[in-house]
Amino acid sequence: MIHGVQRKVLYGWVAWCLVALAKAQMGEEPVRKAERVEEGVRPAEVADETVRRAEIADKPKNESALGRLFSNTPKVKIESPQDGQVMPWETVDVFVRVDQVAIEEDGHRLHVILDNGSPIEHTNVLKPIILRGLAPGAHTVRVFVVKPDGKMLTHPESFARTDFYVRRQDFSNFQPVDRPYLTVNLPQDGVVIPDGDGKVWFDFLTHQAPLAKDKYRVKAVMNGVETIVSTRDPHPWAGLAEGRHRVVIELIDEDGDPVSEIFARVERTFEISRVVRAVNPKEADSANLWLRRER
């Protein structure tokens, strides 16, 4: 009897488990309601950064073609002889380095002045400038860049100077660098050809001597005619006759007195040759025929 009762209880418990399992499979588990999202949709935010206008570059209004060409300033450096060097020979090779500009025969060139002489043209920076027959003592070499028309550039970097000695240190021909003096570029000694307008140019540079009407000035006397210049701009001489001309150029102070420095006075002698106009051969033949008929 006991075993029968236990068997009934066991069968009842198994039946209850089967019923519970069937209900679970039929999905009688309560369905949860969808929860409402409390966070609302945020509208698109407008960027606070304003649109910047294109900025106009600060470019000079009247920038010349030369200014655009020389965005980097030409630089001249005398590499040998070095400043203060004593050279053992009367012949000295001057080596020059030029950056930011091409030196060529028909373009920009170098002008070289030994002591207080006339410029020497140099167009090959790969070769030295050979100075021969130098006297013993102090000497000065100035090198600067000139434009195709022969006028010098005004940038300080385009000018170089070195002082050296031959055999011995002698200051009889020495110009102190911190004292006022002149560098005269044009006119050069020798034959001078006027430009297309018939002008001969006076081109120079002052050192340690600011120019103004009440400060330093430059006086040029040519053929008895005096010209006083108080600005750095090149000065033209027009209407010069054919033949030889001598000009004496002096740096004068605010009182009109000449500056007593060895390089503050420069003399140049140049000649304007006669211009011969080319004649068409046909015109020459007709002229000769006309002369023969007149005879």
C-alpha atoms as a PDB file:
ATOM      1  CA  MET A   1       0.000   0.000   0.000  1.00  0.00           C
ATOM      2  CA  ILE A   2       2.756   2.343   0.855  1.00  0.00           C
ATOM      3  CA  HIS A   3       4.418   1.767  -2.425  1.00  0.00           C
ATOM      4  CA  GLY A   4       1.185   2.506  -4.274  1.00  0.00           C
ATOM      5  CA  VAL A   5       0.733   5.794  -2.487  1.00  0.00           C
ATOM      6  CA  GLN A   6       4.336   6.862  -3.231  1.00  0.00           C
ATOM      7  CA  ARG A   7       3.874   5.996  -6.855  1.00  0.00           C
ATOM      8  CA  LYS A   8       0.734   8.206  -7.090  1.00  0.00           C
ATOM      9  CA  VAL A   9       2.551  11.140  -5.510  1.00  0.00           C
ATOM     10  CA  LEU A  10       5.439  10.737  -7.903  1.00  0.00           C
ATOM     11  CA  TYR A  11       3.109  10.613 -10.894  1.00  0.00           C
ATOM     12  CA  GLY A  12       1.327  13.751  -9.688  1.00  0.00           C
ATOM     13  CA  TRP A  13       4.549  15.739  -9.313  1.00  0.00           C
ATOM     14  CA  VAL A  14       5.732  14.727 -12.807  1.00  0.00           C
ATOM     15  CA  ALA A  15       2.356  15.719 -14.315  1.00  0.00           C
ATOM     16  CA  TRP A  16       2.572  19.156 -12.615  1.00  0.00           C
ATOM     17  CA  CYS A  17       6.048  19.720 -14.056  1.00  0.00           C
ATOM     18  CA  LEU A  18       4.878  18.818 -17.550  1.00  0.00           C
ATOM     19  CA  VAL A  19       1.953  21.273 -17.330  1.00  0.00           C
ATOM     20  CA  ALA A  20       4.272  24.086 -16.146  1.00  0.00           C
ATOM     21  CA  LEU A  21       6.694  23.385 -18.940  1.00  0.00           C
ATOM     22  CA  ALA A  22       3.916  23.484 -21.554  1.00  0.00           C
ATOM     23  CA  LYS A  23       2.671  26.859 -20.278  1.00  0.00           C
ATOM     24  CA  ALA A  24       6.171  28.297 -20.486  1.00  0.00           C
ATOM     25  CA  GLN A  25       6.536  27.182 -24.104  1.00  0.00           C
ATOM     26  CA  MET A  26       3.127  28.664 -25.056  1.00  0.00           C
ATOM     27  CA  GLY A  27       4.353  32.174 -24.052  1.00  0.00           C
ATOM     28  CA  GLU A  28       2.070  32.801 -21.183  1.00  0.00           C
ATOM     29  CA  GLU A  29       4.845  34.836 -19.519  1.00  0.00           C
ATOM     30  CA  PRO A  30       3.491  38.395 -19.060  1.00  0.00           C
ATOM     31  CA  VAL A  31       4.649  40.831 -21.733  1.00  0.00           C
ATOM     32  CA  ARG A  32       6.389  43.998 -20.435  1.00  0.00           C
ATOM     33  CA  LYS A  33       5.200  47.304 -21.786  1.00  0.00           C
ATOM     34  CA  ALA A  34       7.608  49.341 -23.877  1.00  0.00           C
ATOM     35  CA  GLU A  35       9.221  52.047 -21.811  1.00  0.00           C
ATOM     36  CA  ARG A  36       8.875  55.615 -23.111  1.00  0.00           C
ATOM     37  CA  VAL A  37      12.119  57.401 -23.866  1.00  0.00           C
ATOM     38  CA  GLU A  38      12.148  60.597 -21.910  1.00  0.00           C
ATOM     39  CA  GLU A  39      15.002  62.248 -23.857  1.00  0.00           C
ATOM     40  CA  GLY A  40      13.686  64.327 -26.754  1.00  0.00           C
ATOM     41  CA  VAL A  41      15.364  64.741 -30.121  1.00  0.00           C
ATOM     42  CA  ARG A  42      17.685  67.790 -29.972  1.00  0.00           C
ATOM     43  CA  PRO A  43      17.585  70.175 -32.948  1.00  0.00           C
ATOM     44  CA  ALA A  44      20.758  70.669 -34.975  1.00  0.00           C
ATOM     45  CA  GLU A  45      22.972  73.324 -33.442  1.00  0.00           C
ATOM     46  CA  VAL A  46      24.188  76.259 -35.536  1.00  0.00           C
ATOM     47  CA  ALA A  47      27.990  76.635 -35.538  1.00  0.00           C
ATOM     48  CA  ASP A  48      29.134  79.760 -33.743  1.00  0.00           C
ATOM     49  CA  GLU A  49      32.212  80.251 -35.978  1.00  0.00           C
ATOM     50  CA  THR A  50      31.588  82.851 -38.651  1.00  0.00           C
ATOM     51  CA  VAL A  51      32.929  82.474 -42.154  1.00  0.00           C
ATOM     52  CA  ARG A  52      36.052  84.672 -42.652  1.00  0.00           C
ATOM     53  CA  ARG A  53      36.504  86.663 -45.812  1.00  0.00           C
ATOM     54  CA  ALA A  54      39.537  86.101 -47.962  1.00  0.00           C
ATOM     55  CA  GLU A  55      42.304  88.458 -46.857  1.00  0.00           C
ATOM     56  CA  ILE A  56      44.079  90.634 -49.406  1.00  0.00           C
ATOM     57  CA  ALA A  57      47.835  90.313 -49.320  1.00  0.00           C
ATOM     58  CA  ASP A  58      49.731  93.474 -48.358  1.00  0.00           C
ATOM     59  CA  LYS A  59      51.394  93.914 -51.728  1.00  0.00           C
ATOM     60  CA  PRO A  60      52.851  97.282 -52.699  1.00  0.00           C
ATOM     61  CA  LYS A  61      50.700  99.043 -55.246  1.00  0.00           C
ATOM     62  CA  ASN A  62      53.573 100.248 -57.372  1.00  0.00           C
ATOM     63  CA  GLU A  63      55.855  97.226 -57.224  1.00  0.00           C
ATOM     64  CA  SER A  64      58.294  97.404 -60.101  1.00  0.00           C
ATOM     65  CA  ALA A  65      59.466  94.540 -62.263  1.00  0.00           C
ATOM     66  CA  LEU A  66      62.928  94.942 -60.739  1.00  0.00           C
ATOM     67  CA  GLY A  67      61.440  94.644 -57.261  1.00  0.00           C
ATOM     68  CA  ARG A  68      59.671  91.421 -58.194  1.00  0.00           C
ATOM     69  CA  LEU A  69      62.854  90.098 -59.770  1.00  0.00           C
ATOM     70  CA  PHE A  70      64.856  90.746 -56.615  1.00  0.00           C
ATOM     71  CA  SER A  71      62.527  89.282 -54.015  1.00  0.00           C
ATOM     72  CA  ASN A  72      65.790  88.114 -52.486  1.00  0.00           C
ATOM     73  CA  THR A  73      68.377  90.861 -52.269  1.00  0.00           C
ATOM     74  CA  PRO A  74      71.623  90.241 -54.217  1.00  0.00           C
ATOM     75  CA  LYS A  75      74.539  89.725 -51.872  1.00  0.00           C
ATOM     76  CA  VAL A  76      78.237  90.312 -52.570  1.00  0.00           C
ATOM     77  CA  LYS A  77      81.083  88.966 -50.473  1.00  0.00           C
ATOM     78  CA  ILE A  78      84.818  89.340 -51.045  1.00  0.00           C
ATOM     79  CA  GLU A  79      86.297  86.016 -49.985  1.00  0.00           C
ATOM     80  CA  SER A  80      89.943  86.872 -50.716  1.00  0.00           C
ATOM     81  CA  PRO A  81      91.923  88.846 -49.778  1.00  0.00           C
ATOM     82  CA  GLN A  82      90.512  89.043 -46.282  1.00  0.00           C
ATOM     83  CA  ASP A  83      90.208  92.323 -44.451  1.00  0.00           C
ATOM     84  CA  GLY A  84      93.572  93.339 -42.951  1.00  0.00           C
ATOM     85  CA  GLN A  85      95.527  90.609 -44.733  1.00  0.00           C
ATOM     86  CA  VAL A  86      99.119  91.285 -45.789  1.00  0.00           C
ATOM     87  CA  MET A  87      99.772  89.949 -49.301  1.00  0.00           C
ATOM     88  CA  PRO A  88     103.339  88.898 -50.187  1.00  0.00           C
ATOM     89  CA  TRP A  89     103.202  89.802 -53.894  1.00  0.00           C
ATOM     90  CA  GLU A  90     102.403  92.845 -56.047  1.00  0.00           C
ATOM     91  CA  THR A  91      99.842  90.771 -57.980  1.00  0.00           C
ATOM     92  CA  VAL A  92      96.693  89.974 -56.023  1.00  0.00           C
ATOM     93  CA  ASP A  93      93.790  87.733 -57.044  1.00  0.00           C
ATOM     94  CA  VAL A  94      90.435  88.925 -55.734  1.00  0.00           C
ATOM     95  CA  PHE A  95      87.807  86.196 -55.339  1.00  0.00           C
ATOM     96  CA  VAL A  96      84.197  87.316 -55.072  1.00  0.00           C
ATOM     97  CA  ARG A  97      81.038  85.415 -54.199  1.00  0.00           C
ATOM     98  CA  VAL A  98      77.646  86.642 -55.437  1.00  0.00           C
ATOM     99  CA  ASP A  99      74.298  85.213 -54.320  1.00  0.00           C
ATOM    100  CA  GLN A 100      70.690  85.801 -55.438  1.00  0.00           C
ATOM    101  CA  VAL A 101      71.549  87.234 -58.863  1.00  0.00           C
ATOM    102  CA  ALA A 102      73.121  85.945 -62.071  1.00  0.00           C
ATOM    103  CA  ILE A 103      76.206  87.819 -63.265  1.00  0.00           C
ATOM    104  CA  GLU A 104      76.515  87.861 -67.042  1.00  0.00           C
ATOM    105  CA  GLU A 105      77.922  90.018 -69.810  1.00  0.00           C
ATOM    106  CA  ASP A 106      74.618  91.403 -71.112  1.00  0.00           C
ATOM    107  CA  GLY A 107      72.841  91.479 -67.757  1.00  0.00           C
ATOM    108  CA  HIS A 108      73.778  92.336 -64.211  1.00  0.00           C
ATOM    109  CA  ARG A 109      77.519  92.778 -63.783  1.00  0.00           C
ATOM    110  CA  LEU A 110      80.115  93.543 -61.159  1.00  0.00           C
ATOM    111  CA  HIS A 111      82.053  96.787 -60.979  1.00  0.00           C
ATOM    112  CA  VAL A 112      85.347  96.656 -59.104  1.00  0.00           C
ATOM    113  CA  ILE A 113      87.147  99.751 -57.810  1.00  0.00           C
ATOM    114  CA  LEU A 114      90.760  99.550 -56.647  1.00  0.00           C
ATOM    115  CA  ASP A 115      91.594 102.342 -54.206  1.00  0.00           C
ATOM    116  CA  ASN A 116      90.079 105.497 -55.726  1.00  0.00           C
ATOM    117  CA  GLY A 117      90.227 104.525 -59.396  1.00  0.00           C
ATOM    118  CA  SER A 118      87.623 103.979 -62.096  1.00  0.00           C
ATOM    119  CA  PRO A 119      85.397 100.861 -62.019  1.00  0.00           C
ATOM    120  CA  ILE A 120      86.604  97.690 -63.733  1.00  0.00           C
ATOM    121  CA  GLU A 121      83.874  95.502 -65.215  1.00  0.00           C
ATOM    122  CA  HIS A 122      83.798  91.837 -64.203  1.00  0.00           C
ATOM    123  CA  THR A 123      81.290  89.263 -65.475  1.00  0.00           C
ATOM    124  CA  ASN A 124      82.691  85.852 -64.502  1.00  0.00           C
ATOM    125  CA  VAL A 125      82.454  85.081 -60.792  1.00  0.00           C
ATOM    126  CA  LEU A 126      84.192  81.741 -61.334  1.00  0.00           C
ATOM    127  CA  LYS A 127      87.416  83.576 -62.156  1.00  0.00           C
ATOM    128  CA  PRO A 128      89.294  85.991 -59.890  1.00  0.00           C
ATOM    129  CA  ILE A 129      89.825  89.680 -60.519  1.00  0.00           C
ATOM    130  CA  ILE A 130      93.563  90.008 -61.073  1.00  0.00           C
ATOM    131  CA  LEU A 131      95.196  93.195 -59.779  1.00  0.00           C
ATOM    132  CA  ARG A 132      98.745  93.664 -61.032  1.00  0.00           C
ATOM    133  CA  GLY A 133     101.561  96.061 -60.152  1.00  0.00           C
ATOM    134  CA  LEU A 134     100.288  97.065 -56.730  1.00  0.00           C
ATOM    135  CA  ALA A 135     102.530  99.370 -54.758  1.00  0.00           C
ATOM    136  CA  PRO A 136     103.591  98.311 -51.249  1.00  0.00           C
ATOM    137  CA  GLY A 137     101.234  99.509 -48.541  1.00  0.00           C
ATOM    138  CA  ALA A 138      97.484  99.769 -47.988  1.00  0.00           C
ATOM    139  CA  HIS A 139      94.887  99.125 -50.689  1.00  0.00           C
ATOM    140  CA  THR A 140      91.109  99.020 -50.801  1.00  0.00           C
ATOM    141  CA  VAL A 141      88.866  96.983 -53.100  1.00  0.00           C
ATOM    142  CA  ARG A 142      85.189  97.798 -53.526  1.00  0.00           C
ATOM    143  CA  VAL A 143      82.875  95.440 -55.426  1.00  0.00           C
ATOM    144  CA  PHE A 144      79.201  96.099 -56.194  1.00  0.00           C
ATOM    145  CA  VAL A 145      76.429  94.918 -58.498  1.00  0.00           C
ATOM    146  CA  VAL A 146      75.253  97.101 -61.373  1.00  0.00           C
ATOM    147  CA  LYS A 147      72.100  96.719 -63.438  1.00  0.00           C
ATOM    148  CA  PRO A 148      72.125  96.103 -67.197  1.00  0.00           C
ATOM    149  CA  ASP A 149      72.074  99.871 -67.781  1.00  0.00           C
ATOM    150  CA  GLY A 150      75.247 100.267 -65.686  1.00  0.00           C
ATOM    151  CA  LYS A 151      73.690 101.957 -62.654  1.00  0.00           C
ATOM    152  CA  MET A 152      74.465 100.465 -59.270  1.00  0.00           C
ATOM    153  CA  LEU A 153      72.036  98.767 -56.897  1.00  0.00           C
ATOM    154  CA  THR A 154      71.421 100.640 -53.653  1.00  0.00           C
ATOM    155  CA  HIS A 155      71.026  97.648 -51.321  1.00  0.00           C
ATOM    156  CA  PRO A 156      73.828  97.568 -48.708  1.00  0.00           C
ATOM    157  CA  GLU A 157      74.156  93.803 -49.258  1.00  0.00           C
ATOM    158  CA  SER A 158      74.999  94.442 -52.926  1.00  0.00           C
ATOM    159  CA  PHE A 159      78.177  96.290 -51.932  1.00  0.00           C
ATOM    160  CA  ALA A 160      81.342  94.852 -50.389  1.00  0.00           C
ATOM    161  CA  ARG A 161      84.676  96.322 -49.349  1.00  0.00           C
ATOM    162  CA  THR A 162      87.949  94.904 -48.081  1.00  0.00           C
ATOM    163  CA  ASP A 163      91.194  96.576 -46.989  1.00  0.00           C
ATOM    164  CA  PHE A 164      94.474  94.736 -47.401  1.00  0.00           C
ATOM    165  CA  TYR A 165      98.204  95.401 -47.589  1.00  0.00           C
ATOM    166  CA  VAL A 166     100.992  94.531 -49.999  1.00  0.00           C
ATOM    167  CA  ARG A 167     104.257  93.495 -48.320  1.00  0.00           C
ATOM    168  CA  ARG A 168     103.910  95.935 -45.408  1.00  0.00           C
ATOM    169  CA  GLN A 169     101.276  97.763 -43.369  1.00  0.00           C
ATOM    170  CA  ASP A 170     101.392 101.348 -44.565  1.00  0.00           C
ATOM    171  CA  PHE A 171      98.446 103.665 -43.882  1.00  0.00           C
ATOM    172  CA  SER A 172      99.377 106.409 -46.363  1.00  0.00           C
ATOM    173  CA  ASN A 173      96.666 105.248 -48.802  1.00  0.00           C
ATOM    174  CA  PHE A 174      94.099 104.211 -46.226  1.00  0.00           C
ATOM    175  CA  GLN A 175      90.450 105.331 -45.983  1.00  0.00           C
ATOM    176  CA  PRO A 176      88.874 104.591 -42.567  1.00  0.00           C
ATOM    177  CA  VAL A 177      85.603 102.734 -43.033  1.00  0.00           C
ATOM    178  CA  ASP A 178      83.854 104.777 -40.325  1.00  0.00           C
ATOM    179  CA  ARG A 179      84.661 108.147 -41.952  1.00  0.00           C
ATOM    180  CA  PRO A 180      82.619 109.852 -44.739  1.00  0.00           C
ATOM    181  CA  TYR A 181      83.635 109.008 -48.302  1.00  0.00           C
ATOM    182  CA  LEU A 182      82.336 108.470 -51.848  1.00  0.00           C
ATOM    183  CA  THR A 183      82.026 105.583 -54.270  1.00  0.00           C
ATOM    184  CA  VAL A 184      81.583 106.975 -57.794  1.00  0.00           C
ATOM    185  CA  ASN A 185      80.282 104.491 -60.346  1.00  0.00           C
ATOM    186  CA  LEU A 186      79.446 106.625 -63.400  1.00  0.00           C
ATOM    187  CA  PRO A 187      80.850 108.173 -65.475  1.00  0.00           C
ATOM    188  CA  GLN A 188      83.815 105.853 -65.957  1.00  0.00           C
ATOM    189  CA  ASP A 189      87.165 106.817 -67.375  1.00  0.00           C
ATOM    190  CA  GLY A 190      87.466 106.279 -71.128  1.00  0.00           C
ATOM    191  CA  VAL A 191      84.867 106.363 -73.874  1.00  0.00           C
ATOM    192  CA  VAL A 192      81.309 107.068 -72.712  1.00  0.00           C
ATOM    193  CA  ILE A 193      78.290 106.476 -74.942  1.00  0.00           C
ATOM    194  CA  PRO A 194      75.225 108.596 -74.075  1.00  0.00           C
ATOM    195  CA  ASP A 195      71.912 106.779 -73.721  1.00  0.00           C
ATOM    196  CA  GLY A 196      69.043 106.936 -76.183  1.00  0.00           C
ATOM    197  CA  ASP A 197      68.064 110.394 -74.919  1.00  0.00           C
ATOM    198  CA  GLY A 198      71.617 111.745 -75.248  1.00  0.00           C
ATOM    199  CA  LYS A 199      72.259 111.728 -71.487  1.00  0.00           C
ATOM    200  CA  VAL A 200      75.428 110.852 -69.585  1.00  0.00           C
ATOM    201  CA  TRP A 201      74.661 109.616 -66.083  1.00  0.00           C
ATOM    202  CA  PHE A 202      76.295 110.537 -62.805  1.00  0.00           C
ATOM    203  CA  ASP A 203      75.864 107.574 -60.432  1.00  0.00           C
ATOM    204  CA  PHE A 204      77.410 107.362 -56.965  1.00  0.00           C
ATOM    205  CA  LEU A 205      77.050 106.168 -53.398  1.00  0.00           C
ATOM    206  CA  THR A 206      77.924 107.924 -50.134  1.00  0.00           C
ATOM    207  CA  HIS A 207      79.189 106.200 -46.996  1.00  0.00           C
ATOM    208  CA  GLN A 208      78.781 107.512 -43.455  1.00  0.00           C
ATOM    209  CA  ALA A 209      77.330 110.665 -45.039  1.00  0.00           C
ATOM    210  CA  PRO A 210      73.521 111.033 -45.147  1.00  0.00           C
ATOM    211  CA  LEU A 211      72.482 113.340 -47.975  1.00  0.00           C
ATOM    212  CA  ALA A 212      70.130 116.304 -47.576  1.00  0.00           C
ATOM    213  CA  LYS A 213      70.048 119.994 -48.404  1.00  0.00           C
ATOM    214  CA  ASP A 214      71.164 120.832 -44.849  1.00  0.00           C
ATOM    215  CA  LYS A 215      73.535 117.854 -44.464  1.00  0.00           C
ATOM    216  CA  TYR A 216      76.099 116.226 -46.704  1.00  0.00           C
ATOM    217  CA  ARG A 217      75.931 116.929 -50.444  1.00  0.00           C
ATOM    218  CA  VAL A 218      77.903 115.993 -53.540  1.00  0.00           C
ATOM    219  CA  LYS A 219      79.453 118.650 -55.771  1.00  0.00           C
ATOM    220  CA  ALA A 220      80.485 117.884 -59.340  1.00  0.00           C
ATOM    221  CA  VAL A 221      82.393 120.410 -61.455  1.00  0.00           C
ATOM    222  CA  MET A 222      82.649 119.617 -65.163  1.00  0.00           C
ATOM    223  CA  ASN A 223      84.006 122.011 -67.770  1.00  0.00           C
ATOM    224  CA  GLY A 224      83.676 124.864 -65.279  1.00  0.00           C
ATOM    225  CA  VAL A 225      79.994 124.121 -64.572  1.00  0.00           C
ATOM    226  CA  GLU A 226      79.104 123.240 -60.976  1.00  0.00           C
ATOM    227  CA  THR A 227      76.351 120.792 -60.026  1.00  0.00           C
ATOM    228  CA  ILE A 228      75.308 120.099 -56.420  1.00  0.00           C
ATOM    229  CA  VAL A 229      73.300 116.976 -55.657  1.00  0.00           C
ATOM    230  CA  SER A 230      71.566 116.347 -52.326  1.00  0.00           C
ATOM    231  CA  THR A 231      69.827 113.028 -53.116  1.00  0.00           C
ATOM    232  CA  ARG A 232      71.086 109.549 -53.890  1.00  0.00           C
ATOM    233  CA  ASP A 233      69.226 109.322 -57.229  1.00  0.00           C
ATOM    234  CA  PRO A 234      71.407 109.143 -60.370  1.00  0.00           C
ATOM    235  CA  HIS A 235      71.819 112.562 -61.992  1.00  0.00           C
ATOM    236  CA  PRO A 236      71.761 113.024 -65.792  1.00  0.00           C
ATOM    237  CA  TRP A 237      73.953 115.366 -67.808  1.00  0.00           C
ATOM    238  CA  ALA A 238      72.347 116.244 -71.119  1.00  0.00           C
ATOM    239  CA  GLY A 239      73.684 118.039 -74.167  1.00  0.00           C
ATOM    240  CA  LEU A 240      77.363 117.285 -73.620  1.00  0.00           C
ATOM    241  CA  ALA A 241      79.419 118.019 -76.718  1.00  0.00           C
ATOM    242  CA  GLU A 242      81.567 115.455 -78.462  1.00  0.00           C
ATOM    243  CA  GLY A 243      85.120 115.269 -77.221  1.00  0.00           C
ATOM    244  CA  ARG A 244      86.902 114.998 -73.869  1.00  0.00           C
ATOM    245  CA  HIS A 245      85.400 116.023 -70.528  1.00  0.00           C
ATOM    246  CA  ARG A 246      86.933 116.171 -67.047  1.00  0.00           C
ATOM    247  CA  VAL A 247      84.797 116.062 -63.916  1.00  0.00           C
ATOM    248  CA  VAL A 248      85.872 116.577 -60.296  1.00  0.00           C
ATOM    249  CA  ILE A 249      83.466 115.141 -57.712  1.00  0.00           C
ATOM    250  CA  GLU A 250      83.649 116.084 -54.035  1.00  0.00           C
ATOM    251  CA  LEU A 251      81.722 115.238 -50.901  1.00  0.00           C
ATOM    252  CA  ILE A 252      80.905 118.447 -49.017  1.00  0.00           C
ATOM    253  CA  ASP A 253      79.551 118.928 -45.505  1.00  0.00           C
ATOM    254  CA  GLU A 254      76.618 121.041 -44.265  1.00  0.00           C
ATOM    255  CA  ASP A 255      78.770 124.188 -44.475  1.00  0.00           C
ATOM    256  CA  GLY A 256      79.742 123.513 -48.075  1.00  0.00           C
ATOM    257  CA  ASP A 257      83.332 122.636 -47.211  1.00  0.00           C
ATOM    258  CA  PRO A 258      85.032 119.614 -48.820  1.00  0.00           C
ATOM    259  CA  VAL A 259      85.351 116.554 -46.602  1.00  0.00           C
ATOM    260  CA  SER A 260      89.036 115.898 -45.932  1.00  0.00           C
ATOM    261  CA  GLU A 261      89.133 112.157 -46.639  1.00  0.00           C
ATOM    262  CA  ILE A 262      91.178 110.438 -49.328  1.00  0.00           C
ATOM    263  CA  PHE A 263      88.112 108.822 -50.954  1.00  0.00           C
ATOM    264  CA  ALA A 264      85.924 111.925 -50.621  1.00  0.00           C
ATOM    265  CA  ARG A 265      87.294 113.420 -53.864  1.00  0.00           C
ATOM    266  CA  VAL A 266      87.178 111.629 -57.238  1.00  0.00           C
ATOM    267  CA  GLU A 267      88.385 112.725 -60.670  1.00  0.00           C
ATOM    268  CA  ARG A 268      87.228 111.183 -63.936  1.00  0.00           C
ATOM    269  CA  THR A 269      88.113 111.932 -67.555  1.00  0.00           C
ATOM    270  CA  PHE A 270      85.877 110.575 -70.282  1.00  0.00           C
ATOM    271  CA  GLU A 271      85.358 111.119 -73.980  1.00  0.00           C
ATOM    272  CA  ILE A 272      82.150 111.261 -75.994  1.00  0.00           C
ATOM    273  CA  SER A 273      82.977 109.955 -79.432  1.00  0.00           C
ATOM    274  CA  ARG A 274      81.350 111.269 -82.567  1.00  0.00           C
ATOM    275  CA  VAL A 275      78.243 109.357 -83.555  1.00  0.00           C
ATOM    276  CA  VAL A 276      78.310 108.370 -87.237  1.00  0.00           C
ATOM    277  CA  ARG A 277      74.928 107.570 -88.726  1.00  0.00           C
ATOM    278  CA  ALA A 278      74.811 104.506 -90.947  1.00  0.00           C
ATOM    279  CA  VAL A 279      73.907 105.301 -94.578  1.00  0.00           C
ATOM    280  CA  ASN A 280      71.885 103.022 -96.819  1.00  0.00           C
ATOM    281  CA  PRO A 281      74.133 101.873 -99.715  1.00  0.00           C
ATOM    282  CA  LYS A 282      71.397 102.679-102.248  1.00  0.00           C
ATOM    283  CA  GLU A 283      71.088 106.189-100.887  1.00  0.00           C
ATOM    284  CA  ALA A 284      74.862 106.602-101.062  1.00  0.00           C
ATOM    285  CA  ASP A 285      74.906 105.487-104.724  1.00  0.00           C
ATOM    286  CA  SER A 286      72.149 107.936-105.656  1.00  0.00           C
ATOM    287  CA  ALA A 287      73.982 110.744-103.865  1.00  0.00           C
ATOM    288  CA  ASN A 288      77.215 109.962-105.732  1.00  0.00           C
ATOM    289  CA  LEU A 289      75.295 109.862-109.037  1.00  0.00           C
ATOM    290  CA  TRP A 290      73.768 113.246-108.265  1.00  0.00           C
ATOM    291  CA  LEU A 291      77.224 114.686-107.537  1.00  0.00           C
ATOM    292  CA  ARG A 292      78.567 113.359-110.818  1.00  0.00           C
ATOM    293  CA  ARG A 293      75.662 114.923-112.712  1.00  0.00           C
ATOM    294  CA  GLU A 294      76.282 118.300-111.072  1.00  0.00           C
ATOM    295  CA  ARG A 295      79.877 118.248-112.241  1.00  0.00           C
END
